[in-house]
Amino acid sequence: MDAIQEVLQEIQKIKDTRKARINSYREASMSTSHRQLFNTLNADIDIKAQGLKGENRTSYEAEKASRLAEADARDAKNKAFWDAL
């Protein structure tokens, strides 16, 4: 029985190590969202776009909303991937 217990303990250690590594990778991967990256990379463009008027402003806001929706979708896929592990 002792040999079986040792094997089961080793198996549990391996599972715990795997889980800890996955959580570490997940935290690193999700520390900065795609939305945050988009906002950071486009901050200067967003400032310049404040001067837009009329149709140009509407077009810019629509494009920005579309890109943010894409970023949110990537974040959701990323989260789903890590949750599935």
PDB file of N, CA and C in Angstrom:
ATOM      1  N   MET A   1       0.803  -1.205   0.000  1.00  0.00           N
ATOM      2  CA  MET A   1       0.000   0.000   0.000  1.00  0.00           C
ATOM      3  C   MET A   1       0.845   1.268   0.000  1.00  0.00           C
ATOM      4  N   ASP A   2       1.993   1.241   0.633  1.00  0.00           N
ATOM      5  CA  ASP A   2       2.832   2.433   0.698  1.00  0.00           C
ATOM      6  C   ASP A   2       3.304   2.863  -0.686  1.00  0.00           C
ATOM      7  N   ALA A   3       3.635   1.913  -1.529  1.00  0.00           N
ATOM      8  CA  ALA A   3       4.088   2.237  -2.883  1.00  0.00           C
ATOM      9  C   ALA A   3       2.965   2.903  -3.672  1.00  0.00           C
ATOM     10  N   ILE A   4       1.758   2.427  -3.496  1.00  0.00           N
ATOM     11  CA  ILE A   4       0.606   3.013  -4.192  1.00  0.00           C
ATOM     12  C   ILE A   4       0.391   4.447  -3.710  1.00  0.00           C
ATOM     13  N   GLN A   5       0.494   4.657  -2.415  1.00  0.00           N
ATOM     14  CA  GLN A   5       0.320   6.003  -1.858  1.00  0.00           C
ATOM     15  C   GLN A   5       1.396   6.956  -2.379  1.00  0.00           C
ATOM     16  N   GLU A   6       2.623   6.468  -2.487  1.00  0.00           N
ATOM     17  CA  GLU A   6       3.715   7.299  -2.998  1.00  0.00           C
ATOM     18  C   GLU A   6       3.463   7.696  -4.447  1.00  0.00           C
ATOM     19  N   VAL A   7       3.006   6.737  -5.231  1.00  0.00           N
ATOM     20  CA  VAL A   7       2.704   7.019  -6.638  1.00  0.00           C
ATOM     21  C   VAL A   7       1.563   8.031  -6.734  1.00  0.00           C
ATOM     22  N   LEU A   8       0.537   7.850  -5.924  1.00  0.00           N
ATOM     23  CA  LEU A   8      -0.598   8.784  -5.940  1.00  0.00           C
ATOM     24  C   LEU A   8      -0.163  10.185  -5.498  1.00  0.00           C
ATOM     25  N   GLN A   9       0.742  10.261  -4.538  1.00  0.00           N
ATOM     26  CA  GLN A   9       1.253  11.554  -4.092  1.00  0.00           C
ATOM     27  C   GLN A   9       2.066  12.226  -5.194  1.00  0.00           C
ATOM     28  N   GLU A  10       2.858  11.453  -5.901  1.00  0.00           N
ATOM     29  CA  GLU A  10       3.641  12.008  -7.008  1.00  0.00           C
ATOM     30  C   GLU A  10       2.722  12.515  -8.115  1.00  0.00           C
ATOM     31  N   ILE A  11       1.692  11.742  -8.391  1.00  0.00           N
ATOM     32  CA  ILE A  11       0.717  12.169  -9.413  1.00  0.00           C
ATOM     33  C   ILE A  11       0.078  13.485  -8.993  1.00  0.00           C
ATOM     34  N   GLN A  12      -0.283  13.599  -7.727  1.00  0.00           N
ATOM     35  CA  GLN A  12      -0.896  14.839  -7.233  1.00  0.00           C
ATOM     36  C   GLN A  12       0.080  16.006  -7.316  1.00  0.00           C
ATOM     37  N   LYS A  13       1.349  15.763  -7.014  1.00  0.00           N
ATOM     38  CA  LYS A  13       2.359  16.819  -7.120  1.00  0.00           C
ATOM     39  C   LYS A  13       2.471  17.313  -8.560  1.00  0.00           C
ATOM     40  N   ILE A  14       2.456  16.383  -9.496  1.00  0.00           N
ATOM     41  CA  ILE A  14       2.536  16.742 -10.919  1.00  0.00           C
ATOM     42  C   ILE A  14       1.317  17.575 -11.317  1.00  0.00           C
ATOM     43  N   LYS A  15       0.132  17.159 -10.883  1.00  0.00           N
ATOM     44  CA  LYS A  15      -1.089  17.913 -11.193  1.00  0.00           C
ATOM     45  C   LYS A  15      -1.043  19.310 -10.581  1.00  0.00           C
ATOM     46  N   ASP A  16      -0.560  19.401  -9.337  1.00  0.00           N
ATOM     47  CA  ASP A  16      -0.467  20.705  -8.672  1.00  0.00           C
ATOM     48  C   ASP A  16       0.522  21.622  -9.384  1.00  0.00           C
ATOM     49  N   THR A  17       1.654  21.065  -9.805  1.00  0.00           N
ATOM     50  CA  THR A  17       2.660  21.842 -10.527  1.00  0.00           C
ATOM     51  C   THR A  17       2.096  22.334 -11.852  1.00  0.00           C
ATOM     52  N   ARG A  18       1.406  21.463 -12.556  1.00  0.00           N
ATOM     53  CA  ARG A  18       0.794  21.833 -13.840  1.00  0.00           C
ATOM     54  C   ARG A  18      -0.215  22.963 -13.639  1.00  0.00           C
ATOM     55  N   LYS A  19      -1.050  22.814 -12.621  1.00  0.00           N
ATOM     56  CA  LYS A  19      -2.065  23.834 -12.348  1.00  0.00           C
ATOM     57  C   LYS A  19      -1.408  25.173 -12.003  1.00  0.00           C
ATOM     58  N   ALA A  20      -0.356  25.143 -11.197  1.00  0.00           N
ATOM     59  CA  ALA A  20       0.349  26.372 -10.825  1.00  0.00           C
ATOM     60  C   ALA A  20       0.978  27.035 -12.050  1.00  0.00           C
ATOM     61  N   ARG A  21       1.560  26.248 -12.934  1.00  0.00           N
ATOM     62  CA  ARG A  21       2.168  26.808 -14.150  1.00  0.00           C
ATOM     63  C   ARG A  21       1.122  27.425 -15.049  1.00  0.00           C
ATOM     64  N   ILE A  22       0.012  26.733 -15.225  1.00  0.00           N
ATOM     65  CA  ILE A  22      -1.066  27.253 -16.062  1.00  0.00           C
ATOM     66  C   ILE A  22      -1.573  28.575 -15.488  1.00  0.00           C
ATOM     67  N   ASN A  23      -1.775  28.628 -14.180  1.00  0.00           N
ATOM     68  CA  ASN A  23      -2.253  29.867 -13.559  1.00  0.00           C
ATOM     69  C   ASN A  23      -1.238  30.998 -13.727  1.00  0.00           C
ATOM     70  N   SER A  24       0.031  30.677 -13.616  1.00  0.00           N
ATOM     71  CA  SER A  24       1.075  31.680 -13.804  1.00  0.00           C
ATOM     72  C   SER A  24       1.054  32.222 -15.230  1.00  0.00           C
ATOM     73  N   TYR A  25       0.978  31.333 -16.212  1.00  0.00           N
ATOM     74  CA  TYR A  25       0.919  31.742 -17.613  1.00  0.00           C
ATOM     75  C   TYR A  25      -0.342  32.561 -17.879  1.00  0.00           C
ATOM     76  N   ARG A  26      -1.455  32.110 -17.285  1.00  0.00           N
ATOM     77  CA  ARG A  26      -2.728  32.809 -17.467  1.00  0.00           C
ATOM     78  C   ARG A  26      -2.626  34.235 -16.934  1.00  0.00           C
ATOM     79  N   GLU A  27      -2.109  34.383 -15.724  1.00  0.00           N
ATOM     80  CA  GLU A  27      -1.984  35.714 -15.128  1.00  0.00           C
ATOM     81  C   GLU A  27      -1.095  36.620 -15.977  1.00  0.00           C
ATOM     82  N   ALA A  28      -0.004  36.065 -16.478  1.00  0.00           N
ATOM     83  CA  ALA A  28       0.890  36.853 -17.329  1.00  0.00           C
ATOM     84  C   ALA A  28       0.194  37.244 -18.627  1.00  0.00           C
ATOM     85  N   SER A  29      -0.541  36.320 -19.197  1.00  0.00           N
ATOM     86  CA  SER A  29      -1.220  36.562 -20.463  1.00  0.00           C
ATOM     87  C   SER A  29      -2.336  37.592 -20.329  1.00  0.00           C
ATOM     88  N   MET A  30      -3.016  37.561 -19.200  1.00  0.00           N
ATOM     89  CA  MET A  30      -4.181  38.419 -19.036  1.00  0.00           C
ATOM     90  C   MET A  30      -3.878  39.695 -18.247  1.00  0.00           C
ATOM     91  N   SER A  31      -2.601  39.928 -17.941  1.00  0.00           N
ATOM     92  CA  SER A  31      -2.272  41.113 -17.150  1.00  0.00           C
ATOM     93  C   SER A  31      -2.569  42.408 -17.907  1.00  0.00           C
ATOM     94  N   THR A  32      -2.466  42.368 -19.210  1.00  0.00           N
ATOM     95  CA  THR A  32      -2.807  43.523 -20.044  1.00  0.00           C
ATOM     96  C   THR A  32      -3.793  43.053 -21.106  1.00  0.00           C
ATOM     97  N   SER A  33      -4.962  43.646 -21.108  1.00  0.00           N
ATOM     98  CA  SER A  33      -5.983  43.243 -22.072  1.00  0.00           C
ATOM     99  C   SER A  33      -5.733  43.874 -23.434  1.00  0.00           C
ATOM    100  N   HIS A  34      -6.354  43.306 -24.448  1.00  0.00           N
ATOM    101  CA  HIS A  34      -6.251  43.866 -25.799  1.00  0.00           C
ATOM    102  C   HIS A  34      -6.869  45.270 -25.832  1.00  0.00           C
ATOM    103  N   ARG A  35      -7.922  45.473 -25.045  1.00  0.00           N
ATOM    104  CA  ARG A  35      -8.555  46.797 -24.970  1.00  0.00           C
ATOM    105  C   ARG A  35      -7.565  47.819 -24.413  1.00  0.00           C
ATOM    106  N   GLN A  36      -6.850  47.446 -23.360  1.00  0.00           N
ATOM    107  CA  GLN A  36      -5.856  48.351 -22.782  1.00  0.00           C
ATOM    108  C   GLN A  36      -4.761  48.670 -23.796  1.00  0.00           C
ATOM    109  N   LEU A  37      -4.299  47.643 -24.503  1.00  0.00           N
ATOM    110  CA  LEU A  37      -3.272  47.866 -25.525  1.00  0.00           C
ATOM    111  C   LEU A  37      -3.768  48.807 -26.608  1.00  0.00           C
ATOM    112  N   PHE A  38      -4.999  48.588 -27.074  1.00  0.00           N
ATOM    113  CA  PHE A  38      -5.566  49.453 -28.112  1.00  0.00           C
ATOM    114  C   PHE A  38      -5.609  50.894 -27.630  1.00  0.00           C
ATOM    115  N   ASN A  39      -6.126  51.095 -26.425  1.00  0.00           N
ATOM    116  CA  ASN A  39      -6.236  52.459 -25.899  1.00  0.00           C
ATOM    117  C   ASN A  39      -4.872  53.108 -25.721  1.00  0.00           C
ATOM    118  N   THR A  40      -3.903  52.348 -25.272  1.00  0.00           N
ATOM    119  CA  THR A  40      -2.554  52.891 -25.078  1.00  0.00           C
ATOM    120  C   THR A  40      -1.917  53.256 -26.412  1.00  0.00           C
ATOM    121  N   LEU A  41      -2.004  52.348 -27.372  1.00  0.00           N
ATOM    122  CA  LEU A  41      -1.363  52.581 -28.663  1.00  0.00           C
ATOM    123  C   LEU A  41      -2.043  53.686 -29.469  1.00  0.00           C
ATOM    124  N   ASN A  42      -3.312  53.920 -29.206  1.00  0.00           N
ATOM    125  CA  ASN A  42      -4.047  54.918 -29.984  1.00  0.00           C
ATOM    126  C   ASN A  42      -4.344  56.193 -29.214  1.00  0.00           C
ATOM    127  N   ALA A  43      -3.697  56.385 -28.080  1.00  0.00           N
ATOM    128  CA  ALA A  43      -3.972  57.561 -27.260  1.00  0.00           C
ATOM    129  C   ALA A  43      -3.710  58.856 -28.022  1.00  0.00           C
ATOM    130  N   ASP A  44      -2.589  58.923 -28.747  1.00  0.00           N
ATOM    131  CA  ASP A  44      -2.275  60.146 -29.484  1.00  0.00           C
ATOM    132  C   ASP A  44      -3.265  60.389 -30.621  1.00  0.00           C
ATOM    133  N   ILE A  45      -3.688  59.325 -31.279  1.00  0.00           N
ATOM    134  CA  ILE A  45      -4.679  59.453 -32.351  1.00  0.00           C
ATOM    135  C   ILE A  45      -6.006  59.931 -31.781  1.00  0.00           C
ATOM    136  N   ASP A  46      -6.371  59.381 -30.620  1.00  0.00           N
ATOM    137  CA  ASP A  46      -7.625  59.756 -29.985  1.00  0.00           C
ATOM    138  C   ASP A  46      -7.631  61.245 -29.620  1.00  0.00           C
ATOM    139  N   ILE A  47      -6.504  61.738 -29.167  1.00  0.00           N
ATOM    140  CA  ILE A  47      -6.401  63.164 -28.823  1.00  0.00           C
ATOM    141  C   ILE A  47      -6.587  64.017 -30.072  1.00  0.00           C
ATOM    142  N   LYS A  48      -5.923  63.637 -31.158  1.00  0.00           N
ATOM    143  CA  LYS A  48      -6.052  64.382 -32.407  1.00  0.00           C
ATOM    144  C   LYS A  48      -7.481  64.311 -32.957  1.00  0.00           C
ATOM    145  N   ALA A  49      -8.137  63.180 -32.737  1.00  0.00           N
ATOM    146  CA  ALA A  49      -9.486  62.983 -33.271  1.00  0.00           C
ATOM    147  C   ALA A  49     -10.527  63.836 -32.545  1.00  0.00           C
ATOM    148  N   GLN A  50     -10.174  64.381 -31.398  1.00  0.00           N
ATOM    149  CA  GLN A  50     -11.124  65.229 -30.665  1.00  0.00           C
ATOM    150  C   GLN A  50     -11.527  66.453 -31.493  1.00  0.00           C
ATOM    151  N   GLY A  51     -10.673  66.821 -32.420  1.00  0.00           N
ATOM    152  CA  GLY A  51     -10.969  67.977 -33.266  1.00  0.00           C
ATOM    153  C   GLY A  51     -11.850  67.659 -34.469  1.00  0.00           C
ATOM    154  N   LEU A  52     -12.137  66.400 -34.689  1.00  0.00           N
ATOM    155  CA  LEU A  52     -12.976  66.027 -35.836  1.00  0.00           C
ATOM    156  C   LEU A  52     -14.408  66.481 -35.627  1.00  0.00           C
ATOM    157  N   LYS A  53     -15.077  66.764 -36.736  1.00  0.00           N
ATOM    158  CA  LYS A  53     -16.467  67.225 -36.658  1.00  0.00           C
ATOM    159  C   LYS A  53     -17.317  66.475 -37.676  1.00  0.00           C
ATOM    160  N   GLY A  54     -18.584  66.425 -37.401  1.00  0.00           N
ATOM    161  CA  GLY A  54     -19.567  65.889 -38.335  1.00  0.00           C
ATOM    162  C   GLY A  54     -19.342  64.433 -38.714  1.00  0.00           C
ATOM    163  N   GLU A  55     -19.370  64.205 -40.030  1.00  0.00           N
ATOM    164  CA  GLU A  55     -19.260  62.845 -40.555  1.00  0.00           C
ATOM    165  C   GLU A  55     -17.909  62.214 -40.225  1.00  0.00           C
ATOM    166  N   ASN A  56     -16.856  63.019 -40.245  1.00  0.00           N
ATOM    167  CA  ASN A  56     -15.533  62.495 -39.901  1.00  0.00           C
ATOM    168  C   ASN A  56     -15.500  61.986 -38.459  1.00  0.00           C
ATOM    169  N   ARG A  57     -16.108  62.734 -37.557  1.00  0.00           N
ATOM    170  CA  ARG A  57     -16.163  62.341 -36.143  1.00  0.00           C
ATOM    171  C   ARG A  57     -16.976  61.051 -35.992  1.00  0.00           C
ATOM    172  N   THR A  58     -18.106  60.986 -36.660  1.00  0.00           N
ATOM    173  CA  THR A  58     -18.965  59.804 -36.609  1.00  0.00           C
ATOM    174  C   THR A  58     -18.228  58.584 -37.151  1.00  0.00           C
ATOM    175  N   SER A  59     -17.537  58.763 -38.259  1.00  0.00           N
ATOM    176  CA  SER A  59     -16.775  57.670 -38.869  1.00  0.00           C
ATOM    177  C   SER A  59     -15.664  57.193 -37.932  1.00  0.00           C
ATOM    178  N   TYR A  60     -14.961  58.143 -37.321  1.00  0.00           N
ATOM    179  CA  TYR A  60     -13.888  57.787 -36.391  1.00  0.00           C
ATOM    180  C   TYR A  60     -14.445  57.016 -35.197  1.00  0.00           C
ATOM    181  N   GLU A  61     -15.528  57.495 -34.622  1.00  0.00           N
ATOM    182  CA  GLU A  61     -16.122  56.836 -33.451  1.00  0.00           C
ATOM    183  C   GLU A  61     -16.603  55.426 -33.798  1.00  0.00           C
ATOM    184  N   ALA A  62     -17.156  55.258 -35.004  1.00  0.00           N
ATOM    185  CA  ALA A  62     -17.613  53.931 -35.435  1.00  0.00           C
ATOM    186  C   ALA A  62     -16.429  52.979 -35.595  1.00  0.00           C
ATOM    187  N   GLU A  63     -15.354  53.470 -36.198  1.00  0.00           N
ATOM    188  CA  GLU A  63     -14.152  52.643 -36.385  1.00  0.00           C
ATOM    189  C   GLU A  63     -13.546  52.272 -35.031  1.00  0.00           C
ATOM    190  N   LYS A  64     -13.492  53.240 -34.129  1.00  0.00           N
ATOM    191  CA  LYS A  64     -12.946  52.983 -32.797  1.00  0.00           C
ATOM    192  C   LYS A  64     -13.802  51.947 -32.062  1.00  0.00           C
ATOM    193  N   ALA A  65     -15.109  52.084 -32.123  1.00  0.00           N
ATOM    194  CA  ALA A  65     -16.010  51.131 -31.470  1.00  0.00           C
ATOM    195  C   ALA A  65     -15.826  49.727 -32.043  1.00  0.00           C
ATOM    196  N   SER A  66     -15.645  49.654 -33.362  1.00  0.00           N
ATOM    197  CA  SER A  66     -15.418  48.365 -34.016  1.00  0.00           C
ATOM    198  C   SER A  66     -14.120  47.726 -33.535  1.00  0.00           C
ATOM    199  N   ARG A  67     -13.067  48.514 -33.465  1.00  0.00           N
ATOM    200  CA  ARG A  67     -11.769  47.997 -33.017  1.00  0.00           C
ATOM    201  C   ARG A  67     -11.818  47.572 -31.547  1.00  0.00           C
ATOM    202  N   LEU A  68     -12.528  48.332 -30.725  1.00  0.00           N
ATOM    203  CA  LEU A  68     -12.654  47.959 -29.317  1.00  0.00           C
ATOM    204  C   LEU A  68     -13.466  46.669 -29.165  1.00  0.00           C
ATOM    205  N   ALA A  69     -14.481  46.514 -29.999  1.00  0.00           N
ATOM    206  CA  ALA A  69     -15.265  45.272 -29.970  1.00  0.00           C
ATOM    207  C   ALA A  69     -14.393  44.082 -30.367  1.00  0.00           C
ATOM    208  N   GLU A  70     -13.532  44.275 -31.361  1.00  0.00           N
ATOM    209  CA  GLU A  70     -12.595  43.216 -31.755  1.00  0.00           C
ATOM    210  C   GLU A  70     -11.633  42.888 -30.619  1.00  0.00           C
ATOM    211  N   ALA A  71     -11.148  43.917 -29.939  1.00  0.00           N
ATOM    212  CA  ALA A  71     -10.237  43.707 -28.809  1.00  0.00           C
ATOM    213  C   ALA A  71     -10.933  42.958 -27.685  1.00  0.00           C
ATOM    214  N   ASP A  72     -12.171  43.322 -27.410  1.00  0.00           N
ATOM    215  CA  ASP A  72     -12.936  42.626 -26.369  1.00  0.00           C
ATOM    216  C   ASP A  72     -13.169  41.163 -26.743  1.00  0.00           C
ATOM    217  N   ALA A  73     -13.414  40.915 -28.018  1.00  0.00           N
ATOM    218  CA  ALA A  73     -13.613  39.536 -28.477  1.00  0.00           C
ATOM    219  C   ALA A  73     -12.335  38.718 -28.305  1.00  0.00           C
ATOM    220  N   ARG A  74     -11.189  39.322 -28.616  1.00  0.00           N
ATOM    221  CA  ARG A  74      -9.915  38.626 -28.411  1.00  0.00           C
ATOM    222  C   ARG A  74      -9.682  38.352 -26.933  1.00  0.00           C
ATOM    223  N   ASP A  75     -10.028  39.312 -26.080  1.00  0.00           N
ATOM    224  CA  ASP A  75      -9.887  39.101 -24.635  1.00  0.00           C
ATOM    225  C   ASP A  75     -10.777  37.953 -24.162  1.00  0.00           C
ATOM    226  N   ALA A  76     -11.997  37.897 -24.678  1.00  0.00           N
ATOM    227  CA  ALA A  76     -12.918  36.830 -24.299  1.00  0.00           C
ATOM    228  C   ALA A  76     -12.402  35.463 -24.759  1.00  0.00           C
ATOM    229  N   LYS A  77     -11.859  35.404 -25.977  1.00  0.00           N
ATOM    230  CA  LYS A  77     -11.293  34.145 -26.474  1.00  0.00           C
ATOM    231  C   LYS A  77     -10.091  33.725 -25.636  1.00  0.00           C
ATOM    232  N   ASN A  78      -9.268  34.691 -25.265  1.00  0.00           N
ATOM    233  CA  ASN A  78      -8.105  34.410 -24.436  1.00  0.00           C
ATOM    234  C   ASN A  78      -8.536  33.841 -23.085  1.00  0.00           C
ATOM    235  N   LYS A  79      -9.536  34.468 -22.483  1.00  0.00           N
ATOM    236  CA  LYS A  79     -10.037  33.995 -21.187  1.00  0.00           C
ATOM    237  C   LYS A  79     -10.625  32.590 -21.319  1.00  0.00           C
ATOM    238  N   ALA A  80     -11.386  32.367 -22.367  1.00  0.00           N
ATOM    239  CA  ALA A  80     -11.990  31.042 -22.573  1.00  0.00           C
ATOM    240  C   ALA A  80     -10.912  29.975 -22.753  1.00  0.00           C
ATOM    241  N   PHE A  81      -9.853  30.322 -23.464  1.00  0.00           N
ATOM    242  CA  PHE A  81      -8.757  29.378 -23.655  1.00  0.00           C
ATOM    243  C   PHE A  81      -8.171  28.968 -22.317  1.00  0.00           C
ATOM    244  N   TRP A  82      -7.839  29.956 -21.469  1.00  0.00           N
ATOM    245  CA  TRP A  82      -7.227  29.642 -20.188  1.00  0.00           C
ATOM    246  C   TRP A  82      -8.202  28.936 -19.255  1.00  0.00           C
ATOM    247  N   ASP A  83      -9.488  29.285 -19.324  1.00  0.00           N
ATOM    248  CA  ASP A  83     -10.477  28.610 -18.482  1.00  0.00           C
ATOM    249  C   ASP A  83     -10.648  27.147 -18.865  1.00  0.00           C
ATOM    250  N   ALA A  84     -10.401  26.832 -20.135  1.00  0.00           N
ATOM    251  CA  ALA A  84     -10.566  25.453 -20.612  1.00  0.00           C
ATOM    252  C   ALA A  84      -9.430  24.529 -20.186  1.00  0.00           C
ATOM    253  N   LEU A  85      -8.310  25.096 -19.785  1.00  0.00           N
ATOM    254  CA  LEU A  85      -7.182  24.246 -19.391  1.00  0.00           C
ATOM    255  C   LEU A  85      -7.355  23.642 -18.027  1.00  0.00           C
TER     256      LEU A  85
END
